[in-house]
Amino acid sequence: MRPLTVFGLVAVTLMLVCYALEERRMAFTLAFAAACVLGSIYGFLQGAWPFGLVEAIWAAVAVRRWWVRVRATRT
């Protein structure tokens, strides 16, 4: 496998694992956002810019979801 393919596989696998574990700890929501950023980078490097763009949006959604959960626990 080419290094770029391995990078993409790792990014998507991390996304799946973190998404599955999001309800256990808030840190997994933030880790999911980071994995989405990696997926976005992979998409742009591969030349699949729509995939890269959607993953960047998912990263922003995940960061917002994490922030809302953090604020809810503070009150």
N, C-alpha and C. Protein backbone atom coordinates (compact mmCIF):
# COMPACT_ATOMS: atom_id res chain seq x y z
N MET A 1 0.83 -1.19 0.00
CA MET A 1 0.00 0.00 0.00
C MET A 1 0.88 1.25 0.00
N ARG A 2 0.38 2.25 -0.68
CA ARG A 2 1.09 3.52 -0.72
C ARG A 2 0.90 4.27 0.60
N PRO A 3 1.86 5.10 0.98
CA PRO A 3 1.76 5.83 2.25
C PRO A 3 0.49 6.68 2.35
N LEU A 4 0.08 7.30 1.26
CA LEU A 4 -1.12 8.12 1.29
C LEU A 4 -2.36 7.26 1.57
N THR A 5 -2.40 6.07 1.01
CA THR A 5 -3.52 5.16 1.26
C THR A 5 -3.54 4.73 2.72
N VAL A 6 -2.39 4.44 3.28
CA VAL A 6 -2.31 4.05 4.69
C VAL A 6 -2.77 5.21 5.57
N PHE A 7 -2.34 6.42 5.24
CA PHE A 7 -2.75 7.61 5.98
C PHE A 7 -4.27 7.75 5.97
N GLY A 8 -4.88 7.57 4.81
CA GLY A 8 -6.33 7.66 4.69
C GLY A 8 -7.03 6.57 5.48
N LEU A 9 -6.51 5.37 5.43
CA LEU A 9 -7.08 4.26 6.17
C LEU A 9 -7.03 4.52 7.68
N VAL A 10 -5.91 5.03 8.15
CA VAL A 10 -5.77 5.34 9.58
C VAL A 10 -6.74 6.46 9.97
N ALA A 11 -6.84 7.49 9.15
CA ALA A 11 -7.73 8.61 9.45
C ALA A 11 -9.18 8.15 9.55
N VAL A 12 -9.63 7.38 8.59
CA VAL A 12 -11.02 6.93 8.58
C VAL A 12 -11.28 5.94 9.71
N THR A 13 -10.31 5.09 10.03
CA THR A 13 -10.47 4.15 11.14
C THR A 13 -10.58 4.90 12.46
N LEU A 14 -9.74 5.92 12.64
CA LEU A 14 -9.83 6.74 13.86
C LEU A 14 -11.18 7.44 13.96
N MET A 15 -11.68 7.92 12.83
CA MET A 15 -13.00 8.56 12.83
C MET A 15 -14.06 7.58 13.31
N LEU A 16 -14.04 6.38 12.79
CA LEU A 16 -15.03 5.38 13.15
C LEU A 16 -14.95 5.03 14.63
N VAL A 17 -13.75 4.78 15.13
CA VAL A 17 -13.57 4.41 16.53
C VAL A 17 -14.00 5.55 17.45
N CYS A 18 -13.56 6.75 17.16
CA CYS A 18 -13.91 7.89 18.01
C CYS A 18 -15.40 8.18 17.97
N TYR A 19 -16.01 8.05 16.82
CA TYR A 19 -17.46 8.27 16.72
C TYR A 19 -18.22 7.25 17.56
N ALA A 20 -17.76 6.01 17.53
CA ALA A 20 -18.42 4.95 18.29
C ALA A 20 -18.28 5.17 19.80
N LEU A 21 -17.21 5.83 20.22
CA LEU A 21 -16.94 6.01 21.65
C LEU A 21 -17.31 7.40 22.18
N GLU A 22 -17.92 8.23 21.33
CA GLU A 22 -18.22 9.61 21.73
C GLU A 22 -19.05 9.72 23.00
N GLU A 23 -19.97 8.82 23.22
CA GLU A 23 -20.86 8.91 24.38
C GLU A 23 -20.14 8.58 25.69
N ARG A 24 -19.00 7.94 25.61
CA ARG A 24 -18.28 7.56 26.83
C ARG A 24 -17.57 8.74 27.48
N ARG A 25 -16.91 9.55 26.67
CA ARG A 25 -16.17 10.70 27.18
C ARG A 25 -16.19 11.82 26.15
N MET A 26 -16.17 13.05 26.64
CA MET A 26 -16.16 14.20 25.73
C MET A 26 -14.88 14.24 24.90
N ALA A 27 -13.81 13.68 25.42
CA ALA A 27 -12.54 13.71 24.70
C ALA A 27 -12.65 12.97 23.36
N PHE A 28 -13.51 11.97 23.29
CA PHE A 28 -13.67 11.25 22.02
C PHE A 28 -14.35 12.12 20.97
N THR A 29 -15.17 13.06 21.38
CA THR A 29 -15.77 13.98 20.43
C THR A 29 -14.69 14.88 19.83
N LEU A 30 -13.79 15.35 20.68
CA LEU A 30 -12.69 16.18 20.19
C LEU A 30 -11.73 15.34 19.33
N ALA A 31 -11.50 14.11 19.73
CA ALA A 31 -10.65 13.22 18.92
C ALA A 31 -11.30 12.92 17.57
N PHE A 32 -12.63 12.81 17.55
CA PHE A 32 -13.34 12.62 16.30
C PHE A 32 -13.12 13.82 15.38
N ALA A 33 -13.16 15.02 15.95
CA ALA A 33 -12.91 16.23 15.16
C ALA A 33 -11.49 16.21 14.57
N ALA A 34 -10.53 15.81 15.39
CA ALA A 34 -9.14 15.73 14.90
C ALA A 34 -9.02 14.68 13.79
N ALA A 35 -9.69 13.56 13.95
CA ALA A 35 -9.66 12.52 12.91
C ALA A 35 -10.33 13.02 11.64
N CYS A 36 -11.37 13.84 11.77
CA CYS A 36 -12.00 14.43 10.59
C CYS A 36 -11.04 15.38 9.87
N VAL A 37 -10.25 16.11 10.64
CA VAL A 37 -9.24 16.98 10.03
C VAL A 37 -8.24 16.13 9.24
N LEU A 38 -7.82 15.00 9.83
CA LEU A 38 -6.90 14.10 9.11
C LEU A 38 -7.56 13.57 7.84
N GLY A 39 -8.84 13.22 7.94
CA GLY A 39 -9.57 12.75 6.76
C GLY A 39 -9.68 13.84 5.71
N SER A 40 -9.85 15.06 6.14
CA SER A 40 -9.91 16.18 5.21
C SER A 40 -8.57 16.38 4.50
N ILE A 41 -7.50 16.32 5.26
CA ILE A 41 -6.17 16.44 4.67
C ILE A 41 -5.96 15.33 3.64
N TYR A 42 -6.35 14.11 4.00
CA TYR A 42 -6.23 12.99 3.07
C TYR A 42 -7.02 13.26 1.79
N GLY A 43 -8.24 13.73 1.93
CA GLY A 43 -9.07 14.00 0.76
C GLY A 43 -8.43 15.01 -0.17
N PHE A 44 -7.91 16.10 0.39
CA PHE A 44 -7.26 17.11 -0.44
C PHE A 44 -5.98 16.59 -1.06
N LEU A 45 -5.18 15.83 -0.31
CA LEU A 45 -3.93 15.29 -0.87
C LEU A 45 -4.21 14.28 -1.98
N GLN A 46 -5.29 13.55 -1.85
CA GLN A 46 -5.65 12.55 -2.85
C GLN A 46 -6.23 13.20 -4.11
N GLY A 47 -6.70 14.42 -3.96
CA GLY A 47 -7.31 15.10 -5.09
C GLY A 47 -8.83 15.02 -5.09
N ALA A 48 -9.38 14.45 -4.03
CA ALA A 48 -10.84 14.35 -3.90
C ALA A 48 -11.31 15.52 -3.03
N TRP A 49 -11.29 16.72 -3.60
CA TRP A 49 -11.59 17.91 -2.81
C TRP A 49 -13.00 17.91 -2.22
N PRO A 50 -14.03 17.31 -2.85
CA PRO A 50 -15.33 17.29 -2.17
C PRO A 50 -15.27 16.51 -0.85
N PHE A 51 -14.55 15.39 -0.85
CA PHE A 51 -14.38 14.61 0.38
C PHE A 51 -13.64 15.44 1.42
N GLY A 52 -12.58 16.12 1.00
CA GLY A 52 -11.82 16.96 1.92
C GLY A 52 -12.66 18.09 2.50
N LEU A 53 -13.50 18.68 1.68
CA LEU A 53 -14.37 19.76 2.14
C LEU A 53 -15.41 19.26 3.13
N VAL A 54 -16.04 18.15 2.83
CA VAL A 54 -17.06 17.60 3.73
C VAL A 54 -16.44 17.19 5.06
N GLU A 55 -15.27 16.60 5.03
CA GLU A 55 -14.60 16.22 6.27
C GLU A 55 -14.23 17.44 7.10
N ALA A 56 -13.84 18.53 6.45
CA ALA A 56 -13.55 19.76 7.18
C ALA A 56 -14.81 20.29 7.87
N ILE A 57 -15.94 20.20 7.19
CA ILE A 57 -17.21 20.63 7.78
C ILE A 57 -17.55 19.73 8.97
N TRP A 58 -17.37 18.41 8.82
CA TRP A 58 -17.64 17.49 9.92
C TRP A 58 -16.75 17.81 11.12
N ALA A 59 -15.51 18.21 10.86
CA ALA A 59 -14.61 18.58 11.95
C ALA A 59 -15.16 19.79 12.70
N ALA A 60 -15.64 20.77 11.97
CA ALA A 60 -16.22 21.96 12.61
C ALA A 60 -17.46 21.60 13.41
N VAL A 61 -18.30 20.74 12.88
CA VAL A 61 -19.51 20.30 13.59
C VAL A 61 -19.12 19.57 14.87
N ALA A 62 -18.11 18.71 14.80
CA ALA A 62 -17.68 17.95 15.98
C ALA A 62 -17.09 18.88 17.05
N VAL A 63 -16.32 19.86 16.64
CA VAL A 63 -15.75 20.80 17.62
C VAL A 63 -16.88 21.58 18.30
N ARG A 64 -17.86 22.00 17.50
CA ARG A 64 -19.00 22.69 18.11
C ARG A 64 -19.75 21.77 19.06
N ARG A 65 -19.98 20.54 18.70
CA ARG A 65 -20.68 19.58 19.57
C ARG A 65 -19.89 19.38 20.87
N TRP A 66 -18.57 19.30 20.75
CA TRP A 66 -17.71 19.16 21.94
C TRP A 66 -17.85 20.40 22.82
N TRP A 67 -17.80 21.58 22.22
CA TRP A 67 -17.87 22.82 22.98
C TRP A 67 -19.21 22.94 23.71
N VAL A 68 -20.30 22.56 23.06
CA VAL A 68 -21.61 22.60 23.69
C VAL A 68 -21.65 21.65 24.89
N ARG A 69 -21.06 20.48 24.75
CA ARG A 69 -21.03 19.53 25.87
C ARG A 69 -20.17 20.06 27.02
N VAL A 70 -19.07 20.70 26.71
CA VAL A 70 -18.21 21.28 27.76
C VAL A 70 -18.96 22.36 28.51
N ARG A 71 -19.64 23.24 27.79
CA ARG A 71 -20.40 24.30 28.44
C ARG A 71 -21.53 23.76 29.30
N ALA A 72 -22.16 22.68 28.83
CA ALA A 72 -23.26 22.09 29.58
C ALA A 72 -22.79 21.48 30.89
N THR A 73 -21.58 20.96 30.92
CA THR A 73 -21.06 20.35 32.15
C THR A 73 -20.59 21.41 33.14
N ARG A 74 -20.30 22.60 32.67
CA ARG A 74 -19.84 23.67 33.56
C ARG A 74 -21.00 24.30 34.34
N THR A 75 -22.20 24.22 33.82
CA THR A 75 -23.33 24.86 34.50
C THR A 75 -24.06 23.92 35.42
